[in-house]
């Protein structure tokens, strides 16, 4: 209504489950929620190698297979960049609003093997030491106060040093896959930013990067999961059952998730994980805002409390658009 072209790519999880079918109704699909274009999945998570996808409201197949080099994050960025380029060619004076939401880093942690291999051995020291390292790095970066202390690890999460060697080996490999998945996702975001540079629109493009939709998730259980879907259906994995499949973790035959100890560690210095809303570990995420022509600050850290409800007013203010009092009645 304010002259923008609008498109959404990736994860969209607001459509009621009972409306996700060829019968609709479609008013609560992305294309009914203000987006002219949608390419992605409607739900909480997706297989990165062989995803369920929609173009608008129609089911579509991925353009190629995992064996041919397909990965969902790369596909989403391909679609996003193609859209932005076409939009700027056809209507160069018309602004665009693009919402890009990766399936990453939600489970399953799927990523090409070379990205996992970059992190071999990086987590052998375990989740307790990782928490200490993370807090020290956060203090050095200035993202937490210098007097911040770690919350305690609850008894429900075992100490790393108490684990048998096989459990440590499995947990570390699951975390290596997660870390490789994270860097691979950063690389895809870099492709988007590089394309804005190539098109010469960086200075006049507001970019908001939200690092996740919740805190790290403890759904992998105490030992982690080779098949998260089995665990969600009451058949949890254990280290002994995962160990023979170490080299398959992250690949098309796996549906892997790290153990709760590493989820707790990656939420440091906060307590608990996703789905525990009473602690910031489950609900707090980093956010980066960049708009070179309007925001002169670079690399600065904001310490005031910011809530998700502050994002829309920020967009409207920077785009000099009125806050609507009514939309479609």
Protein backbone atom coordinates (compact mmCIF):
# COMPACT_ATOMS: atom_id res chain seq x y z
CA UNK A 1 0.00 0.00 0.00
CA UNK A 2 3.07 2.24 0.22
CA UNK A 3 4.46 1.40 -3.20
CA UNK A 4 6.84 -1.44 -2.34
CA UNK A 5 7.32 -4.76 -4.08
CA UNK A 6 7.31 -7.46 -1.43
CA UNK A 7 8.66 -10.99 -1.37
CA UNK A 8 9.33 -13.70 1.21
CA UNK A 9 11.79 -16.58 0.90
CA UNK A 10 12.33 -19.53 3.23
CA UNK A 11 10.74 -20.48 6.50
CA UNK A 12 7.22 -19.17 7.15
CA UNK A 13 5.64 -20.73 10.22
CA UNK A 14 2.56 -18.64 10.90
CA UNK A 15 0.03 -20.47 8.70
CA UNK A 16 -2.22 -22.77 10.78
CA UNK A 17 -1.35 -26.41 10.15
CA UNK A 18 -4.92 -27.28 9.18
CA UNK A 19 -4.78 -24.69 6.35
CA UNK A 20 -1.57 -26.02 4.77
CA UNK A 21 -3.03 -28.00 1.87
CA UNK A 22 -4.11 -27.52 -1.73
CA UNK A 23 -7.57 -26.69 -0.38
CA UNK A 24 -6.47 -23.65 1.63
CA UNK A 25 -7.86 -21.26 2.65
CA UNK A 26 -4.86 -19.16 1.60
CA UNK A 27 -5.46 -15.83 3.33
CA UNK A 28 -3.00 -16.77 6.11
CA UNK A 29 -0.30 -17.99 3.72
CA UNK A 30 2.58 -15.58 3.00
CA UNK A 31 0.89 -14.40 -0.19
CA UNK A 32 -2.17 -13.57 1.90
CA UNK A 33 -0.09 -11.75 4.52
CA UNK A 34 1.20 -8.98 2.26
CA UNK A 35 3.88 -10.72 0.20
CA UNK A 36 3.45 -10.61 -3.58
CA UNK A 37 5.95 -13.44 -4.04
CA UNK A 38 6.74 -16.46 -1.86
CA UNK A 39 9.21 -19.29 -2.31
CA UNK A 40 9.99 -21.49 0.67
CA UNK A 41 8.38 -23.81 3.17
CA UNK A 42 5.38 -23.48 5.44
CA UNK A 43 6.27 -25.05 8.79
CA UNK A 44 8.79 -25.20 11.59
CA UNK A 45 11.69 -27.03 9.93
CA UNK A 46 12.71 -28.70 6.70
CA UNK A 47 15.11 -31.17 5.20
CA UNK A 48 17.94 -29.10 3.71
CA UNK A 49 18.79 -31.74 1.10
CA UNK A 50 15.29 -32.71 -0.01
CA UNK A 51 12.88 -30.03 1.21
CA UNK A 52 9.15 -29.61 0.93
CA UNK A 53 8.74 -26.35 -1.02
CA UNK A 54 6.00 -24.00 -2.19
CA UNK A 55 5.99 -21.38 -4.93
CA UNK A 56 3.16 -19.09 -3.87
CA UNK A 57 0.58 -21.63 -2.72
CA UNK A 58 1.60 -24.46 -5.08
CA UNK A 59 3.89 -27.32 -4.09
CA UNK A 60 7.05 -27.47 -6.20
CA UNK A 61 10.10 -29.74 -6.38
CA UNK A 62 13.64 -28.56 -5.69
CA UNK A 63 15.50 -27.65 -8.91
CA UNK A 64 18.03 -30.47 -8.38
CA UNK A 65 18.89 -33.30 -6.00
CA UNK A 66 21.39 -33.53 -3.16
CA UNK A 67 23.55 -35.73 -5.39
CA UNK A 68 23.58 -32.88 -7.93
CA UNK A 69 24.71 -30.40 -5.27
CA UNK A 70 21.40 -29.05 -3.97
CA UNK A 71 21.15 -27.33 -0.58
CA UNK A 72 18.10 -25.39 0.60
CA UNK A 73 19.99 -22.35 1.96
CA UNK A 74 21.77 -21.89 -1.37
CA UNK A 75 18.51 -22.28 -3.28
CA UNK A 76 16.77 -19.66 -1.12
CA UNK A 77 19.55 -17.16 -1.80
CA UNK A 78 19.52 -17.97 -5.52
CA UNK A 79 15.79 -17.22 -5.58
CA UNK A 80 16.18 -14.07 -3.48
CA UNK A 81 18.93 -12.61 -5.67
CA UNK A 82 17.10 -13.44 -8.89
CA UNK A 83 14.03 -11.65 -7.55
CA UNK A 84 15.94 -8.52 -6.48
CA UNK A 85 17.75 -8.30 -9.82
CA UNK A 86 14.53 -8.67 -11.82
CA UNK A 87 12.70 -6.17 -9.64
CA UNK A 88 15.45 -3.58 -10.08
CA UNK A 89 15.57 -4.11 -13.86
CA UNK A 90 11.82 -3.78 -14.33
CA UNK A 91 11.13 -0.99 -11.81
CA UNK A 92 14.47 0.58 -10.77
CA UNK A 93 12.79 3.45 -8.94
CA UNK A 94 10.46 1.24 -6.93
CA UNK A 95 11.64 0.06 -3.47
CA UNK A 96 11.54 -3.59 -2.42
CA UNK A 97 10.95 -5.34 0.88
CA UNK A 98 12.47 -8.83 1.06
CA UNK A 99 12.08 -11.21 3.99
CA UNK A 100 14.63 -14.04 3.88
CA UNK A 101 14.33 -16.69 6.60
CA UNK A 102 16.65 -19.68 6.41
CA UNK A 103 15.76 -23.14 7.65
CA UNK A 104 19.19 -22.85 9.25
CA UNK A 105 20.19 -23.24 11.97
CA UNK A 106 17.14 -25.17 13.02
CA UNK A 107 17.57 -28.93 13.03
CA UNK A 108 18.27 -30.93 10.95
CA UNK A 109 21.83 -29.63 10.77
CA UNK A 110 22.52 -30.44 7.13
CA UNK A 111 25.60 -29.08 5.39
CA UNK A 112 28.18 -30.29 2.83
CA UNK A 113 30.93 -32.39 4.40
CA UNK A 114 33.72 -29.90 3.67
CA UNK A 115 32.09 -27.38 6.01
CA UNK A 116 31.90 -29.94 8.83
CA UNK A 117 35.52 -30.96 8.28
CA UNK A 118 36.64 -27.38 9.00
CA UNK A 119 35.59 -27.89 12.63
CA UNK A 120 37.05 -31.33 13.31
CA UNK A 121 38.35 -31.41 16.86
CA UNK A 122 37.16 -27.89 17.69
CA UNK A 123 34.66 -29.12 20.30
CA UNK A 124 36.56 -32.04 21.82
CA UNK A 125 36.99 -30.01 25.02
CA UNK A 126 33.23 -30.10 25.56
CA UNK A 127 30.36 -27.88 26.54
CA UNK A 128 31.55 -26.72 29.97
CA UNK A 129 34.80 -25.33 28.55
CA UNK A 130 32.89 -23.88 25.58
CA UNK A 131 30.73 -21.83 27.94
CA UNK A 132 33.82 -20.37 29.61
CA UNK A 133 35.42 -19.56 26.24
CA UNK A 134 32.23 -17.96 24.97
CA UNK A 135 31.84 -15.69 27.98
CA UNK A 136 35.48 -14.57 27.72
CA UNK A 137 35.00 -13.76 24.03
CA UNK A 138 31.76 -11.89 24.75
CA UNK A 139 33.54 -9.77 27.35
CA UNK A 140 36.38 -9.03 24.94
CA UNK A 141 33.86 -7.94 22.29
CA UNK A 142 31.91 -5.86 24.79
CA UNK A 143 28.59 -7.61 24.22
CA UNK A 144 28.23 -8.45 27.94
CA UNK A 145 29.36 -6.42 30.97
CA UNK A 146 32.88 -7.14 32.27
CA UNK A 147 31.43 -8.42 35.57
CA UNK A 148 29.01 -10.89 33.92
CA UNK A 149 29.12 -14.42 35.31
CA UNK A 150 27.91 -17.72 33.91
CA UNK A 151 24.65 -19.15 35.12
CA UNK A 152 25.14 -22.55 36.69
CA UNK A 153 24.74 -25.77 34.74
CA UNK A 154 21.78 -27.65 36.17
CA UNK A 155 22.09 -31.21 37.38
CA UNK A 156 19.90 -32.43 34.51
CA UNK A 157 22.76 -31.63 32.11
CA UNK A 158 25.78 -33.86 32.83
CA UNK A 159 29.27 -32.44 33.23
CA UNK A 160 31.35 -33.00 30.10
CA UNK A 161 34.12 -34.70 32.08
CA UNK A 162 31.62 -37.27 33.38
CA UNK A 163 30.80 -38.60 29.89
CA UNK A 164 32.19 -41.86 28.48
CA UNK A 165 34.58 -41.44 25.50
CA UNK A 166 32.01 -42.60 22.92
CA UNK A 167 29.45 -40.06 24.16
CA UNK A 168 32.04 -37.30 23.84
CA UNK A 169 32.95 -38.40 20.31
CA UNK A 170 29.29 -38.39 19.19
CA UNK A 171 28.48 -35.07 20.85
CA UNK A 172 31.53 -33.36 19.38
CA UNK A 173 30.73 -34.56 15.84
CA UNK A 174 27.13 -33.35 16.14
CA UNK A 175 28.43 -29.95 17.22
CA UNK A 176 30.93 -29.88 14.36
CA UNK A 177 28.02 -30.30 11.95
CA UNK A 178 26.16 -27.46 13.63
CA UNK A 179 29.19 -25.15 13.42
CA UNK A 180 29.73 -25.96 9.75
CA UNK A 181 26.03 -25.31 9.12
CA UNK A 182 26.39 -21.92 10.84
CA UNK A 183 29.37 -20.84 8.74
CA UNK A 184 27.70 -22.07 5.55
CA UNK A 185 24.68 -19.91 6.40
CA UNK A 186 26.90 -16.89 7.02
CA UNK A 187 28.39 -17.50 3.58
CA UNK A 188 24.91 -17.36 2.02
CA UNK A 189 24.15 -14.08 3.80
CA UNK A 190 27.43 -12.79 2.42
CA UNK A 191 26.22 -13.61 -1.10
CA UNK A 192 23.18 -11.39 -0.54
CA UNK A 193 25.22 -8.47 0.79
CA UNK A 194 27.79 -8.82 -2.04
CA UNK A 195 25.02 -8.66 -4.62
CA UNK A 196 23.62 -5.47 -3.09
CA UNK A 197 27.13 -4.04 -3.45
CA UNK A 198 27.35 -5.14 -7.09
CA UNK A 199 23.99 -3.53 -7.84
CA UNK A 200 25.04 -0.28 -6.19
CA UNK A 201 22.10 -0.23 -3.78
CA UNK A 202 23.90 -0.96 -0.48
CA UNK A 203 23.85 2.62 0.79
CA UNK A 204 20.11 2.93 0.39
CA UNK A 205 19.14 -0.53 1.64
CA UNK A 206 18.16 -1.16 5.25
CA UNK A 207 19.44 -4.58 6.32
CA UNK A 208 18.23 -6.17 9.55
CA UNK A 209 19.90 -9.47 10.45
CA UNK A 210 18.28 -11.39 13.31
CA UNK A 211 20.48 -14.25 14.50
CA UNK A 212 17.83 -16.93 14.99
CA UNK A 213 14.21 -17.15 16.06
CA UNK A 214 14.90 -18.36 19.61
CA UNK A 215 17.72 -19.58 21.77
CA UNK A 216 19.62 -22.76 20.96
CA UNK A 217 17.41 -25.83 21.12
CA UNK A 218 17.60 -28.70 23.60
CA UNK A 219 15.41 -31.03 21.55
CA UNK A 220 18.39 -33.24 20.72
CA UNK A 221 18.20 -34.79 24.18
CA UNK A 222 21.09 -35.78 26.44
CA UNK A 223 23.04 -37.74 23.80
CA UNK A 224 22.00 -35.86 20.66
CA UNK A 225 20.07 -37.31 17.75
CA UNK A 226 20.94 -38.91 14.45
CA UNK A 227 17.25 -38.81 13.56
CA UNK A 228 15.44 -36.00 15.35
CA UNK A 229 12.09 -37.16 13.98
CA UNK A 230 12.43 -40.50 15.75
CA UNK A 231 13.17 -38.74 19.02
CA UNK A 232 10.11 -36.51 18.61
CA UNK A 233 8.05 -39.68 18.20
CA UNK A 234 9.26 -41.21 21.44
CA UNK A 235 12.23 -43.23 20.14
CA UNK A 236 15.25 -41.22 21.30
CA UNK A 237 18.73 -41.95 19.99
CA UNK A 238 21.66 -42.65 22.28
CA UNK A 239 25.40 -42.43 21.71
CA UNK A 240 25.71 -46.16 21.02
CA UNK A 241 23.18 -46.02 18.18
CA UNK A 242 24.69 -42.85 16.67
CA UNK A 243 28.35 -43.91 16.83
CA UNK A 244 28.29 -46.22 13.74
CA UNK A 245 26.89 -43.32 11.68
CA UNK A 246 29.40 -40.58 12.58
CA UNK A 247 30.44 -39.98 8.97
CA UNK A 248 26.81 -39.68 7.84
CA UNK A 249 26.04 -36.82 10.25
CA UNK A 250 25.07 -33.71 8.30
CA UNK A 251 24.44 -35.67 5.11
CA UNK A 252 21.27 -36.74 3.27
CA UNK A 253 20.87 -39.95 5.31
CA UNK A 254 20.80 -38.09 8.65
CA UNK A 255 18.38 -35.78 10.44
CA UNK A 256 20.79 -34.77 13.16
CA UNK A 257 20.67 -32.50 16.21
CA UNK A 258 23.27 -31.77 18.90
CA UNK A 259 22.80 -32.74 22.59
CA UNK A 260 21.28 -30.43 25.16
CA UNK A 261 24.67 -29.72 26.76
CA UNK A 262 25.86 -27.93 23.63
CA UNK A 263 22.53 -26.11 23.34
CA UNK A 264 23.03 -24.79 26.86
CA UNK A 265 26.62 -23.85 26.04
CA UNK A 266 25.71 -21.86 22.93
CA UNK A 267 23.22 -19.83 24.98
CA UNK A 268 26.00 -18.69 27.36
CA UNK A 269 25.99 -16.84 29.63
CA UNK A 270 22.23 -17.37 29.95
CA UNK A 271 20.35 -20.30 31.39
CA UNK A 272 18.52 -23.13 29.66
CA UNK A 273 17.42 -23.39 26.02
CA UNK A 274 14.61 -22.83 23.56
CA UNK A 275 11.15 -23.77 24.92
CA UNK A 276 12.10 -22.58 28.41
CA UNK A 277 10.64 -19.10 28.17
CA UNK A 278 11.40 -18.09 31.77
CA UNK A 279 15.13 -17.77 31.01
CA UNK A 280 16.83 -15.53 28.46
CA UNK A 281 18.78 -18.49 27.07
CA UNK A 282 15.59 -19.64 25.40
CA UNK A 283 14.44 -16.31 24.04
CA UNK A 284 17.31 -13.89 23.40
CA UNK A 285 19.07 -13.38 20.06
CA UNK A 286 21.56 -11.01 18.55
CA UNK A 287 20.49 -8.45 15.94
CA UNK A 288 22.50 -6.34 13.51
CA UNK A 289 21.13 -3.26 11.74
CA UNK A 290 22.84 -1.54 8.78
CA UNK A 291 21.63 1.39 6.67
CA UNK A 292 24.66 3.37 5.44
CA UNK A 293 22.77 6.40 4.09
CA UNK A 294 20.73 6.87 7.26
CA UNK A 295 22.71 5.25 10.10
CA UNK A 296 26.27 6.56 10.32
CA UNK A 297 27.34 4.31 13.23
CA UNK A 298 29.36 1.23 12.29
CA UNK A 299 30.26 -1.67 14.54
CA UNK A 300 28.76 -0.11 17.64
CA UNK A 301 27.00 -2.08 20.37
CA UNK A 302 23.67 -1.04 21.84
CA UNK A 303 23.02 -1.88 25.47
CA UNK A 304 19.40 -0.80 25.85
CA UNK A 305 16.72 -3.48 26.00
CA UNK A 306 15.32 -4.23 22.55
CA UNK A 307 12.27 -6.39 21.96
CA UNK A 308 11.04 -8.01 18.75
CA UNK A 309 8.13 -5.53 18.72
CA UNK A 310 10.66 -2.70 18.19
CA UNK A 311 11.62 -3.96 14.72
CA UNK A 312 8.52 -2.90 12.77
CA UNK A 313 8.53 0.68 14.18
CA UNK A 314 12.24 0.89 13.27
CA UNK A 315 11.52 -0.18 9.68
CA UNK A 316 8.64 2.29 9.36
CA UNK A 317 10.69 5.15 10.80
CA UNK A 318 13.69 4.57 8.55
CA UNK A 319 11.48 4.08 5.48
CA UNK A 320 9.50 7.22 6.47
CA UNK A 321 6.24 5.31 6.25
CA UNK A 322 3.16 5.88 8.42
CA UNK A 323 2.21 3.31 11.01
CA UNK A 324 -1.10 1.88 9.77
CA UNK A 325 -4.09 2.12 12.05
CA UNK A 326 -6.06 -0.28 9.87
CA UNK A 327 -5.19 -2.80 7.13
CA UNK A 328 -7.90 -4.44 5.01
CA UNK A 329 -10.48 -3.71 7.67
